[in-house]
């Protein structure tokens, strides 16, 4: 079985739960990167990743400036900020785990629909 690589944009409570669960299954998941303006949140994810090559970013802009970093990106930003990073992640070819709501406006939801 191929190990699935994971990144996160927004490392709030839910994302930290997802990453903590993934870290308990290192044969299935490898945590490789995270972006969040709060360094303590990133440091938590970095610590549980047990990955010396883990990449930290203070913003989604910095994260997306890199080449594709993982198979999956978790979008765990505040609800009203889901649309932009989700759209960019899809355009870069990421598989996305997106918290609900998808976006605050139906037009944005329909644009992300594939």
Foldseek 3Di string as FASTA:
>chain_A
DDAFEEEEEDQDDVNLVVLLVQLVPRVRYAYAEYEDLDVVSRVSSVVSNPDPNHYYHPHLVVVLVDQDTTQEYEYDDPAQPQQVSLVSCVVNPHHYDYDPPNHPDVVSVVVSDD
